[in-house]
Amino acid sequence: MSRGSSQHRIHGLFERALVNGNLRNSVVLWRCYIAYEINIASNPSAAKRIFFRAIHACPWSKRLWLDGFLKLNCILTGKELSDLQEVMRDKELNMRTDIYEILLQDELIA
């Protein structure tokens, strides 16, 4: 999974796997794809697009929703994070802390 020409091949493998009806709802596969785009491919905008596709495919997965906050908090705007929290609350996927506390902590660190 190194950088270079294999990136397109790996991206294609993820996309082909997600076309499969049995794997489309695999939370682990979506999380791996998001992690690949963030950590290996260094493409945060692609990770953001994949995240929204993932929560559309697996809206029941609290872990996927939390990845949005933990892995994409520097990519998503405050409004997007707030909207995500509101949708999570509507789906009864509760978090232990308020998103505004997280944003305040980020401001204090910066």
PDB file of N, CA and C in Angstrom:
ATOM      1  N   MET A   1       0.825  -1.188   0.000  1.00  0.00           N
ATOM      2  CA  MET A   1       0.000   0.000   0.000  1.00  0.00           C
ATOM      3  C   MET A   1       0.871   1.253   0.000  1.00  0.00           C
ATOM      4  N   SER A   2       1.977   1.169  -0.675  1.00  0.00           N
ATOM      5  CA  SER A   2       2.858   2.327  -0.730  1.00  0.00           C
ATOM      6  C   SER A   2       2.330   3.347  -1.727  1.00  0.00           C
ATOM      7  N   ARG A   3       2.943   4.496  -1.696  1.00  0.00           N
ATOM      8  CA  ARG A   3       2.547   5.556  -2.627  1.00  0.00           C
ATOM      9  C   ARG A   3       3.025   5.213  -4.031  1.00  0.00           C
ATOM     10  N   GLY A   4       2.434   5.863  -4.991  1.00  0.00           N
ATOM     11  CA  GLY A   4       2.870   5.648  -6.361  1.00  0.00           C
ATOM     12  C   GLY A   4       1.769   5.054  -7.210  1.00  0.00           C
ATOM     13  N   SER A   5       2.177   4.252  -8.174  1.00  0.00           N
ATOM     14  CA  SER A   5       1.226   3.711  -9.145  1.00  0.00           C
ATOM     15  C   SER A   5       0.218   2.758  -8.524  1.00  0.00           C
ATOM     16  N   SER A   6       0.539   2.175  -7.391  1.00  0.00           N
ATOM     17  CA  SER A   6      -0.386   1.223  -6.768  1.00  0.00           C
ATOM     18  C   SER A   6      -1.599   1.928  -6.150  1.00  0.00           C
ATOM     19  N   GLN A   7      -1.542   3.240  -5.967  1.00  0.00           N
ATOM     20  CA  GLN A   7      -2.675   3.967  -5.381  1.00  0.00           C
ATOM     21  C   GLN A   7      -3.938   3.794  -6.206  1.00  0.00           C
ATOM     22  N   HIS A   8      -3.824   3.899  -7.517  1.00  0.00           N
ATOM     23  CA  HIS A   8      -4.999   3.763  -8.383  1.00  0.00           C
ATOM     24  C   HIS A   8      -5.557   2.341  -8.320  1.00  0.00           C
ATOM     25  N   ARG A   9      -4.662   1.371  -8.251  1.00  0.00           N
ATOM     26  CA  ARG A   9      -5.084  -0.023  -8.167  1.00  0.00           C
ATOM     27  C   ARG A   9      -5.814  -0.288  -6.852  1.00  0.00           C
ATOM     28  N   ILE A  10      -5.281   0.227  -5.760  1.00  0.00           N
ATOM     29  CA  ILE A  10      -5.902   0.024  -4.447  1.00  0.00           C
ATOM     30  C   ILE A  10      -7.245   0.733  -4.392  1.00  0.00           C
ATOM     31  N   HIS A  11      -7.304   1.947  -4.909  1.00  0.00           N
ATOM     32  CA  HIS A  11      -8.563   2.689  -4.964  1.00  0.00           C
ATOM     33  C   HIS A  11      -9.598   1.890  -5.754  1.00  0.00           C
ATOM     34  N   GLY A  12      -9.191   1.326  -6.887  1.00  0.00           N
ATOM     35  CA  GLY A  12     -10.083   0.513  -7.714  1.00  0.00           C
ATOM     36  C   GLY A  12     -10.553  -0.739  -6.988  1.00  0.00           C
ATOM     37  N   LEU A  13      -9.669  -1.349  -6.208  1.00  0.00           N
ATOM     38  CA  LEU A  13     -10.052  -2.540  -5.441  1.00  0.00           C
ATOM     39  C   LEU A  13     -11.123  -2.209  -4.410  1.00  0.00           C
ATOM     40  N   PHE A  14     -10.947  -1.099  -3.715  1.00  0.00           N
ATOM     41  CA  PHE A  14     -11.965  -0.681  -2.745  1.00  0.00           C
ATOM     42  C   PHE A  14     -13.303  -0.427  -3.447  1.00  0.00           C
ATOM     43  N   GLU A  15     -13.249   0.290  -4.552  1.00  0.00           N
ATOM     44  CA  GLU A  15     -14.489   0.620  -5.265  1.00  0.00           C
ATOM     45  C   GLU A  15     -15.185  -0.638  -5.788  1.00  0.00           C
ATOM     46  N   ARG A  16     -14.402  -1.583  -6.342  1.00  0.00           N
ATOM     47  CA  ARG A  16     -15.010  -2.832  -6.830  1.00  0.00           C
ATOM     48  C   ARG A  16     -15.599  -3.643  -5.686  1.00  0.00           C
ATOM     49  N   ALA A  17     -14.936  -3.640  -4.545  1.00  0.00           N
ATOM     50  CA  ALA A  17     -15.453  -4.375  -3.391  1.00  0.00           C
ATOM     51  C   ALA A  17     -16.780  -3.776  -2.924  1.00  0.00           C
ATOM     52  N   LEU A  18     -16.888  -2.448  -2.976  1.00  0.00           N
ATOM     53  CA  LEU A  18     -18.106  -1.790  -2.492  1.00  0.00           C
ATOM     54  C   LEU A  18     -19.274  -1.918  -3.467  1.00  0.00           C
ATOM     55  N   VAL A  19     -18.997  -2.303  -4.718  1.00  0.00           N
ATOM     56  CA  VAL A  19     -20.074  -2.564  -5.673  1.00  0.00           C
ATOM     57  C   VAL A  19     -20.762  -3.891  -5.337  1.00  0.00           C
ATOM     58  N   ASN A  20     -20.014  -4.801  -4.734  1.00  0.00           N
ATOM     59  CA  ASN A  20     -20.544  -6.098  -4.328  1.00  0.00           C
ATOM     60  C   ASN A  20     -21.642  -5.896  -3.285  1.00  0.00           C
ATOM     61  N   GLY A  21     -22.813  -6.469  -3.526  1.00  0.00           N
ATOM     62  CA  GLY A  21     -23.950  -6.295  -2.618  1.00  0.00           C
ATOM     63  C   GLY A  21     -23.687  -6.774  -1.205  1.00  0.00           C
ATOM     64  N   ASN A  22     -22.877  -7.835  -1.065  1.00  0.00           N
ATOM     65  CA  ASN A  22     -22.578  -8.366   0.269  1.00  0.00           C
ATOM     66  C   ASN A  22     -21.611  -7.477   1.045  1.00  0.00           C
ATOM     67  N   LEU A  23     -20.755  -6.770   0.329  1.00  0.00           N
ATOM     68  CA  LEU A  23     -19.740  -5.951   0.999  1.00  0.00           C
ATOM     69  C   LEU A  23     -20.132  -4.485   1.133  1.00  0.00           C
ATOM     70  N   ARG A  24     -21.148  -4.057   0.424  1.00  0.00           N
ATOM     71  CA  ARG A  24     -21.566  -2.650   0.443  1.00  0.00           C
ATOM     72  C   ARG A  24     -21.905  -2.178   1.855  1.00  0.00           C
ATOM     73  N   ASN A  25     -22.408  -3.085   2.680  1.00  0.00           N
ATOM     74  CA  ASN A  25     -22.798  -2.727   4.045  1.00  0.00           C
ATOM     75  C   ASN A  25     -21.752  -3.130   5.081  1.00  0.00           C
ATOM     76  N   SER A  26     -20.534  -3.350   4.641  1.00  0.00           N
ATOM     77  CA  SER A  26     -19.457  -3.735   5.547  1.00  0.00           C
ATOM     78  C   SER A  26     -18.828  -2.489   6.171  1.00  0.00           C
ATOM     79  N   VAL A  27     -19.059  -2.315   7.443  1.00  0.00           N
ATOM     80  CA  VAL A  27     -18.520  -1.159   8.170  1.00  0.00           C
ATOM     81  C   VAL A  27     -16.999  -1.207   8.170  1.00  0.00           C
ATOM     82  N   VAL A  28     -16.437  -2.385   8.328  1.00  0.00           N
ATOM     83  CA  VAL A  28     -14.980  -2.528   8.361  1.00  0.00           C
ATOM     84  C   VAL A  28     -14.359  -2.085   7.038  1.00  0.00           C
ATOM     85  N   LEU A  29     -14.977  -2.485   5.930  1.00  0.00           N
ATOM     86  CA  LEU A  29     -14.460  -2.097   4.620  1.00  0.00           C
ATOM     87  C   LEU A  29     -14.506  -0.583   4.434  1.00  0.00           C
ATOM     88  N   TRP A  30     -15.614   0.051   4.807  1.00  0.00           N
ATOM     89  CA  TRP A  30     -15.722   1.511   4.698  1.00  0.00           C
ATOM     90  C   TRP A  30     -14.673   2.201   5.563  1.00  0.00           C
ATOM     91  N   ARG A  31     -14.497   1.704   6.790  1.00  0.00           N
ATOM     92  CA  ARG A  31     -13.522   2.324   7.691  1.00  0.00           C
ATOM     93  C   ARG A  31     -12.098   2.185   7.156  1.00  0.00           C
ATOM     94  N   CYS A  32     -11.798   1.021   6.575  1.00  0.00           N
ATOM     95  CA  CYS A  32     -10.473   0.818   5.981  1.00  0.00           C
ATOM     96  C   CYS A  32     -10.259   1.760   4.796  1.00  0.00           C
ATOM     97  N   TYR A  33     -11.285   1.948   4.003  1.00  0.00           N
ATOM     98  CA  TYR A  33     -11.199   2.831   2.839  1.00  0.00           C
ATOM     99  C   TYR A  33     -10.953   4.275   3.281  1.00  0.00           C
ATOM    100  N   ILE A  34     -11.680   4.715   4.290  1.00  0.00           N
ATOM    101  CA  ILE A  34     -11.490   6.075   4.817  1.00  0.00           C
ATOM    102  C   ILE A  34     -10.077   6.227   5.385  1.00  0.00           C
ATOM    103  N   ALA A  35      -9.642   5.243   6.166  1.00  0.00           N
ATOM    104  CA  ALA A  35      -8.303   5.292   6.754  1.00  0.00           C
ATOM    105  C   ALA A  35      -7.230   5.292   5.674  1.00  0.00           C
ATOM    106  N   TYR A  36      -7.434   4.520   4.615  1.00  0.00           N
ATOM    107  CA  TYR A  36      -6.474   4.499   3.509  1.00  0.00           C
ATOM    108  C   TYR A  36      -6.362   5.891   2.881  1.00  0.00           C
ATOM    109  N   GLU A  37      -7.494   6.519   2.606  1.00  0.00           N
ATOM    110  CA  GLU A  37      -7.471   7.835   1.959  1.00  0.00           C
ATOM    111  C   GLU A  37      -6.813   8.887   2.846  1.00  0.00           C
ATOM    112  N   ILE A  38      -7.005   8.788   4.159  1.00  0.00           N
ATOM    113  CA  ILE A  38      -6.412   9.773   5.074  1.00  0.00           C
ATOM    114  C   ILE A  38      -4.932   9.497   5.296  1.00  0.00           C
ATOM    115  N   ASN A  39      -4.590   8.263   5.656  1.00  0.00           N
ATOM    116  CA  ASN A  39      -3.236   7.943   6.107  1.00  0.00           C
ATOM    117  C   ASN A  39      -2.257   7.609   4.989  1.00  0.00           C
ATOM    118  N   ILE A  40      -2.697   6.910   3.971  1.00  0.00           N
ATOM    119  CA  ILE A  40      -1.777   6.465   2.920  1.00  0.00           C
ATOM    120  C   ILE A  40      -1.827   7.402   1.721  1.00  0.00           C
ATOM    121  N   ALA A  41      -3.031   7.613   1.174  1.00  0.00           N
ATOM    122  CA  ALA A  41      -3.167   8.442  -0.027  1.00  0.00           C
ATOM    123  C   ALA A  41      -3.070   9.935   0.282  1.00  0.00           C
ATOM    124  N   SER A  42      -3.238  10.306   1.529  1.00  0.00           N
ATOM    125  CA  SER A  42      -3.202  11.711   1.954  1.00  0.00           C
ATOM    126  C   SER A  42      -4.147  12.571   1.126  1.00  0.00           C
ATOM    127  N   ASN A  43      -5.377  12.102   1.007  1.00  0.00           N
ATOM    128  CA  ASN A  43      -6.393  12.801   0.218  1.00  0.00           C
ATOM    129  C   ASN A  43      -7.623  13.044   1.103  1.00  0.00           C
ATOM    130  N   PRO A  44      -7.603  14.118   1.903  1.00  0.00           N
ATOM    131  CA  PRO A  44      -8.713  14.359   2.834  1.00  0.00           C
ATOM    132  C   PRO A  44     -10.044  14.622   2.153  1.00  0.00           C
ATOM    133  N   SER A  45     -10.048  15.250   0.982  1.00  0.00           N
ATOM    134  CA  SER A  45     -11.328  15.501   0.316  1.00  0.00           C
ATOM    135  C   SER A  45     -11.965  14.200  -0.152  1.00  0.00           C
ATOM    136  N   ALA A  46     -11.151  13.242  -0.604  1.00  0.00           N
ATOM    137  CA  ALA A  46     -11.681  11.924  -0.980  1.00  0.00           C
ATOM    138  C   ALA A  46     -12.195  11.198   0.259  1.00  0.00           C
ATOM    139  N   ALA A  47     -11.474  11.320   1.370  1.00  0.00           N
ATOM    140  CA  ALA A  47     -11.909  10.684   2.613  1.00  0.00           C
ATOM    141  C   ALA A  47     -13.259  11.238   3.055  1.00  0.00           C
ATOM    142  N   LYS A  48     -13.448  12.522   2.885  1.00  0.00           N
ATOM    143  CA  LYS A  48     -14.718  13.156   3.252  1.00  0.00           C
ATOM    144  C   LYS A  48     -15.858  12.615   2.388  1.00  0.00           C
ATOM    145  N   ARG A  49     -15.631  12.529   1.072  1.00  0.00           N
ATOM    146  CA  ARG A  49     -16.659  11.972   0.171  1.00  0.00           C
ATOM    147  C   ARG A  49     -16.980  10.530   0.524  1.00  0.00           C
ATOM    148  N   ILE A  50     -15.954   9.753   0.817  1.00  0.00           N
ATOM    149  CA  ILE A  50     -16.149   8.347   1.166  1.00  0.00           C
ATOM    150  C   ILE A  50     -16.897   8.230   2.484  1.00  0.00           C
ATOM    151  N   PHE A  51     -16.590   9.111   3.433  1.00  0.00           N
ATOM    152  CA  PHE A  51     -17.285   9.098   4.715  1.00  0.00           C
ATOM    153  C   PHE A  51     -18.788   9.294   4.524  1.00  0.00           C
ATOM    154  N   PHE A  52     -19.169  10.271   3.712  1.00  0.00           N
ATOM    155  CA  PHE A  52     -20.597  10.511   3.502  1.00  0.00           C
ATOM    156  C   PHE A  52     -21.263   9.348   2.765  1.00  0.00           C
ATOM    157  N   ARG A  53     -20.545   8.718   1.842  1.00  0.00           N
ATOM    158  CA  ARG A  53     -21.074   7.518   1.198  1.00  0.00           C
ATOM    159  C   ARG A  53     -21.240   6.402   2.225  1.00  0.00           C
ATOM    160  N   ALA A  54     -20.277   6.288   3.141  1.00  0.00           N
ATOM    161  CA  ALA A  54     -20.302   5.221   4.143  1.00  0.00           C
ATOM    162  C   ALA A  54     -21.489   5.366   5.099  1.00  0.00           C
ATOM    163  N   ILE A  55     -21.731   6.588   5.576  1.00  0.00           N
ATOM    164  CA  ILE A  55     -22.851   6.739   6.511  1.00  0.00           C
ATOM    165  C   ILE A  55     -24.190   6.614   5.798  1.00  0.00           C
ATOM    166  N   HIS A  56     -24.185   6.822   4.480  1.00  0.00           N
ATOM    167  CA  HIS A  56     -25.407   6.573   3.711  1.00  0.00           C
ATOM    168  C   HIS A  56     -25.642   5.067   3.566  1.00  0.00           C
ATOM    169  N   ALA A  57     -24.563   4.307   3.375  1.00  0.00           N
ATOM    170  CA  ALA A  57     -24.674   2.853   3.208  1.00  0.00           C
ATOM    171  C   ALA A  57     -24.893   2.134   4.537  1.00  0.00           C
ATOM    172  N   CYS A  58     -24.327   2.659   5.612  1.00  0.00           N
ATOM    173  CA  CYS A  58     -24.395   2.002   6.931  1.00  0.00           C
ATOM    174  C   CYS A  58     -24.791   3.011   8.009  1.00  0.00           C
ATOM    175  N   PRO A  59     -26.015   3.536   7.947  1.00  0.00           N
ATOM    176  CA  PRO A  59     -26.396   4.593   8.895  1.00  0.00           C
ATOM    177  C   PRO A  59     -26.507   4.121  10.345  1.00  0.00           C
ATOM    178  N   TRP A  60     -26.545   2.832  10.575  1.00  0.00           N
ATOM    179  CA  TRP A  60     -26.689   2.278  11.920  1.00  0.00           C
ATOM    180  C   TRP A  60     -25.357   2.212  12.673  1.00  0.00           C
ATOM    181  N   SER A  61     -24.232   2.385  11.981  1.00  0.00           N
ATOM    182  CA  SER A  61     -22.926   2.177  12.587  1.00  0.00           C
ATOM    183  C   SER A  61     -22.442   3.420  13.326  1.00  0.00           C
ATOM    184  N   LYS A  62     -22.479   3.344  14.620  1.00  0.00           N
ATOM    185  CA  LYS A  62     -22.000   4.464  15.436  1.00  0.00           C
ATOM    186  C   LYS A  62     -20.506   4.683  15.218  1.00  0.00           C
ATOM    187  N   ARG A  63     -19.779   3.602  14.994  1.00  0.00           N
ATOM    188  CA  ARG A  63     -18.335   3.703  14.787  1.00  0.00           C
ATOM    189  C   ARG A  63     -18.006   4.551  13.547  1.00  0.00           C
ATOM    190  N   LEU A  64     -18.770   4.366  12.480  1.00  0.00           N
ATOM    191  CA  LEU A  64     -18.553   5.184  11.277  1.00  0.00           C
ATOM    192  C   LEU A  64     -18.826   6.652  11.556  1.00  0.00           C
ATOM    193  N   TRP A  65     -19.906   6.919  12.257  1.00  0.00           N
ATOM    194  CA  TRP A  65     -20.244   8.311  12.580  1.00  0.00           C
ATOM    195  C   TRP A  65     -19.138   8.936  13.429  1.00  0.00           C
ATOM    196  N   LEU A  66     -18.634   8.178  14.390  1.00  0.00           N
ATOM    197  CA  LEU A  66     -17.572   8.713  15.248  1.00  0.00           C
ATOM    198  C   LEU A  66     -16.285   8.944  14.470  1.00  0.00           C
ATOM    199  N   ASP A  67     -16.042   8.123  13.443  1.00  0.00           N
ATOM    200  CA  ASP A  67     -14.875   8.370  12.592  1.00  0.00           C
ATOM    201  C   ASP A  67     -14.944   9.750  11.949  1.00  0.00           C
ATOM    202  N   GLY A  68     -16.163  10.177  11.644  1.00  0.00           N
ATOM    203  CA  GLY A  68     -16.326  11.515  11.083  1.00  0.00           C
ATOM    204  C   GLY A  68     -15.811  12.590  12.019  1.00  0.00           C
ATOM    205  N   PHE A  69     -16.054  12.393  13.298  1.00  0.00           N
ATOM    206  CA  PHE A  69     -15.596  13.373  14.287  1.00  0.00           C
ATOM    207  C   PHE A  69     -14.109  13.223  14.589  1.00  0.00           C
ATOM    208  N   LEU A  70     -13.655  11.993  14.712  1.00  0.00           N
ATOM    209  CA  LEU A  70     -12.283  11.770  15.143  1.00  0.00           C
ATOM    210  C   LEU A  70     -11.258  11.906  14.019  1.00  0.00           C
ATOM    211  N   LYS A  71     -11.556  11.347  12.860  1.00  0.00           N
ATOM    212  CA  LYS A  71     -10.577  11.346  11.781  1.00  0.00           C
ATOM    213  C   LYS A  71     -10.739  12.519  10.823  1.00  0.00           C
ATOM    214  N   LEU A  72     -11.944  13.067  10.733  1.00  0.00           N
ATOM    215  CA  LEU A  72     -12.199  14.117   9.753  1.00  0.00           C
ATOM    216  C   LEU A  72     -12.477  15.472  10.388  1.00  0.00           C
ATOM    217  N   ASN A  73     -12.194  15.621  11.681  1.00  0.00           N
ATOM    218  CA  ASN A  73     -12.530  16.882  12.350  1.00  0.00           C
ATOM    219  C   ASN A  73     -11.753  18.071  11.805  1.00  0.00           C
ATOM    220  N   CYS A  74     -10.588  17.836  11.217  1.00  0.00           N
ATOM    221  CA  CYS A  74      -9.833  18.950  10.636  1.00  0.00           C
ATOM    222  C   CYS A  74     -10.300  19.252   9.212  1.00  0.00           C
ATOM    223  N   ILE A  75     -11.074  18.362   8.622  1.00  0.00           N
ATOM    224  CA  ILE A  75     -11.568  18.528   7.257  1.00  0.00           C
ATOM    225  C   ILE A  75     -12.976  19.124   7.252  1.00  0.00           C
ATOM    226  N   LEU A  76     -13.815  18.632   8.158  1.00  0.00           N
ATOM    227  CA  LEU A  76     -15.208  19.075   8.218  1.00  0.00           C
ATOM    228  C   LEU A  76     -15.303  20.427   8.899  1.00  0.00           C
ATOM    229  N   THR A  77     -16.219  21.252   8.446  1.00  0.00           N
ATOM    230  CA  THR A  77     -16.431  22.557   9.058  1.00  0.00           C
ATOM    231  C   THR A  77     -17.203  22.381  10.369  1.00  0.00           C
ATOM    232  N   GLY A  78     -17.219  23.421  11.164  1.00  0.00           N
ATOM    233  CA  GLY A  78     -17.990  23.394  12.412  1.00  0.00           C
ATOM    234  C   GLY A  78     -19.467  23.139  12.151  1.00  0.00           C
ATOM    235  N   LYS A  79     -19.991  23.721  11.084  1.00  0.00           N
ATOM    236  CA  LYS A  79     -21.398  23.516  10.713  1.00  0.00           C
ATOM    237  C   LYS A  79     -21.653  22.055  10.341  1.00  0.00           C
ATOM    238  N   GLU A  80     -20.741  21.459   9.571  1.00  0.00           N
ATOM    239  CA  GLU A  80     -20.900  20.047   9.191  1.00  0.00           C
ATOM    240  C   GLU A  80     -20.831  19.143  10.412  1.00  0.00           C
ATOM    241  N   LEU A  81     -19.917  19.430  11.324  1.00  0.00           N
ATOM    242  CA  LEU A  81     -19.825  18.636  12.555  1.00  0.00           C
ATOM    243  C   LEU A  81     -21.092  18.775  13.387  1.00  0.00           C
ATOM    244  N   SER A  82     -21.597  19.986  13.477  1.00  0.00           N
ATOM    245  CA  SER A  82     -22.832  20.229  14.220  1.00  0.00           C
ATOM    246  C   SER A  82     -24.007  19.492  13.578  1.00  0.00           C
ATOM    247  N   ASP A  83     -24.082  19.525  12.244  1.00  0.00           N
ATOM    248  CA  ASP A  83     -25.151  18.808  11.534  1.00  0.00           C
ATOM    249  C   ASP A  83     -25.041  17.305  11.744  1.00  0.00           C
ATOM    250  N   LEU A  84     -23.816  16.796  11.723  1.00  0.00           N
ATOM    251  CA  LEU A  84     -23.621  15.366  11.968  1.00  0.00           C
ATOM    252  C   LEU A  84     -24.091  14.983  13.360  1.00  0.00           C
ATOM    253  N   GLN A  85     -23.765  15.827  14.337  1.00  0.00           N
ATOM    254  CA  GLN A  85     -24.191  15.543  15.699  1.00  0.00           C
ATOM    255  C   GLN A  85     -25.713  15.541  15.803  1.00  0.00           C
ATOM    256  N   GLU A  86     -26.356  16.459  15.123  1.00  0.00           N
ATOM    257  CA  GLU A  86     -27.814  16.530  15.160  1.00  0.00           C
ATOM    258  C   GLU A  86     -28.450  15.287  14.530  1.00  0.00           C
ATOM    259  N   VAL A  87     -27.910  14.843  13.402  1.00  0.00           N
ATOM    260  CA  VAL A  87     -28.437  13.639  12.754  1.00  0.00           C
ATOM    261  C   VAL A  87     -28.197  12.418  13.638  1.00  0.00           C
ATOM    262  N   MET A  88     -27.024  12.365  14.274  1.00  0.00           N
ATOM    263  CA  MET A  88     -26.738  11.257  15.187  1.00  0.00           C
ATOM    264  C   MET A  88     -27.734  11.239  16.335  1.00  0.00           C
ATOM    265  N   ARG A  89     -28.043  12.399  16.855  1.00  0.00           N
ATOM    266  CA  ARG A  89     -29.005  12.498  17.951  1.00  0.00           C
ATOM    267  C   ARG A  89     -30.382  12.011  17.495  1.00  0.00           C
ATOM    268  N   ASP A  90     -30.783  12.388  16.267  1.00  0.00           N
ATOM    269  CA  ASP A  90     -32.062  11.934  15.720  1.00  0.00           C
ATOM    270  C   ASP A  90     -32.094  10.418  15.557  1.00  0.00           C
ATOM    271  N   LYS A  91     -30.946   9.818  15.235  1.00  0.00           N
ATOM    272  CA  LYS A  91     -30.861   8.372  15.058  1.00  0.00           C
ATOM    273  C   LYS A  91     -30.592   7.653  16.381  1.00  0.00           C
ATOM    274  N   GLU A  92     -30.541   8.414  17.464  1.00  0.00           N
ATOM    275  CA  GLU A  92     -30.274   7.906  18.806  1.00  0.00           C
ATOM    276  C   GLU A  92     -28.899   7.250  18.916  1.00  0.00           C
ATOM    277  N   LEU A  93     -27.931   7.820  18.219  1.00  0.00           N
ATOM    278  CA  LEU A  93     -26.536   7.414  18.324  1.00  0.00           C
ATOM    279  C   LEU A  93     -25.837   8.471  19.169  1.00  0.00           C
ATOM    280  N   ASN A  94     -25.952   8.347  20.465  1.00  0.00           N
ATOM    281  CA  ASN A  94     -25.502   9.391  21.381  1.00  0.00           C
ATOM    282  C   ASN A  94     -23.999   9.356  21.610  1.00  0.00           C
ATOM    283  N   MET A  95     -23.433  10.554  21.781  1.00  0.00           N
ATOM    284  CA  MET A  95     -22.026  10.704  22.130  1.00  0.00           C
ATOM    285  C   MET A  95     -21.952  11.155  23.582  1.00  0.00           C
ATOM    286  N   ARG A  96     -20.805  10.955  24.178  1.00  0.00           N
ATOM    287  CA  ARG A  96     -20.646  11.312  25.591  1.00  0.00           C
ATOM    288  C   ARG A  96     -20.250  12.755  25.812  1.00  0.00           C
ATOM    289  N   THR A  97     -19.858  13.436  24.765  1.00  0.00           N
ATOM    290  CA  THR A  97     -19.461  14.831  24.905  1.00  0.00           C
ATOM    291  C   THR A  97     -20.158  15.664  23.839  1.00  0.00           C
ATOM    292  N   ASP A  98     -20.217  16.909  24.057  1.00  0.00           N
ATOM    293  CA  ASP A  98     -20.864  17.818  23.124  1.00  0.00           C
ATOM    294  C   ASP A  98     -19.842  18.275  22.084  1.00  0.00           C
ATOM    295  N   ILE A  99     -20.258  18.397  20.865  1.00  0.00           N
ATOM    296  CA  ILE A  99     -19.364  18.791  19.778  1.00  0.00           C
ATOM    297  C   ILE A  99     -18.757  20.171  20.033  1.00  0.00           C
ATOM    298  N   TYR A 100     -19.493  21.036  20.692  1.00  0.00           N
ATOM    299  CA  TYR A 100     -18.973  22.376  20.967  1.00  0.00           C
ATOM    300  C   TYR A 100     -17.801  22.323  21.938  1.00  0.00           C
ATOM    301  N   GLU A 101     -17.782  21.348  22.836  1.00  0.00           N
ATOM    302  CA  GLU A 101     -16.632  21.180  23.723  1.00  0.00           C
ATOM    303  C   GLU A 101     -15.400  20.774  22.923  1.00  0.00           C
ATOM    304  N   ILE A 102     -15.585  19.896  21.939  1.00  0.00           N
ATOM    305  CA  ILE A 102     -14.477  19.465  21.092  1.00  0.00           C
ATOM    306  C   ILE A 102     -13.935  20.645  20.301  1.00  0.00           C
ATOM    307  N   LEU A 103     -14.829  21.448  19.735  1.00  0.00           N
ATOM    308  CA  LEU A 103     -14.391  22.598  18.956  1.00  0.00           C
ATOM    309  C   LEU A 103     -13.669  23.625  19.827  1.00  0.00           C
ATOM    310  N   LEU A 104     -14.148  23.815  21.052  1.00  0.00           N
ATOM    311  CA  LEU A 104     -13.469  24.736  21.963  1.00  0.00           C
ATOM    312  C   LEU A 104     -12.079  24.241  22.315  1.00  0.00           C
ATOM    313  N   GLN A 105     -11.929  22.915  22.526  1.00  0.00           N
ATOM    314  CA  GLN A 105     -10.624  22.350  22.820  1.00  0.00           C
ATOM    315  C   GLN A 105      -9.671  22.563  21.653  1.00  0.00           C
ATOM    316  N   ASP A 106     -10.165  22.375  20.428  1.00  0.00           N
ATOM    317  CA  ASP A 106      -9.328  22.592  19.252  1.00  0.00           C
ATOM    318  C   ASP A 106      -8.861  24.048  19.161  1.00  0.00           C
ATOM    319  N   GLU A 107      -9.735  24.997  19.505  1.00  0.00           N
ATOM    320  CA  GLU A 107      -9.367  26.408  19.466  1.00  0.00           C
ATOM    321  C   GLU A 107      -8.322  26.724  20.523  1.00  0.00           C
ATOM    322  N   LEU A 108      -8.441  26.097  21.697  1.00  0.00           N
ATOM    323  CA  LEU A 108      -7.490  26.343  22.766  1.00  0.00           C
ATOM    324  C   LEU A 108      -6.113  25.781  22.426  1.00  0.00           C
ATOM    325  N   ILE A 109      -6.096  24.648  21.734  1.00  0.00           N
ATOM    326  CA  ILE A 109      -4.811  24.030  21.357  1.00  0.00           C
ATOM    327  C   ILE A 109      -4.132  24.835  20.267  1.00  0.00           C
ATOM    328  N   ALA A 110      -4.919  25.360  19.326  1.00  0.00           N
ATOM    329  CA  ALA A 110      -4.349  26.083  18.172  1.00  0.00           C
ATOM    330  C   ALA A 110      -3.804  27.422  18.539  1.00  0.00           C
TER     331      ALA A 110
END
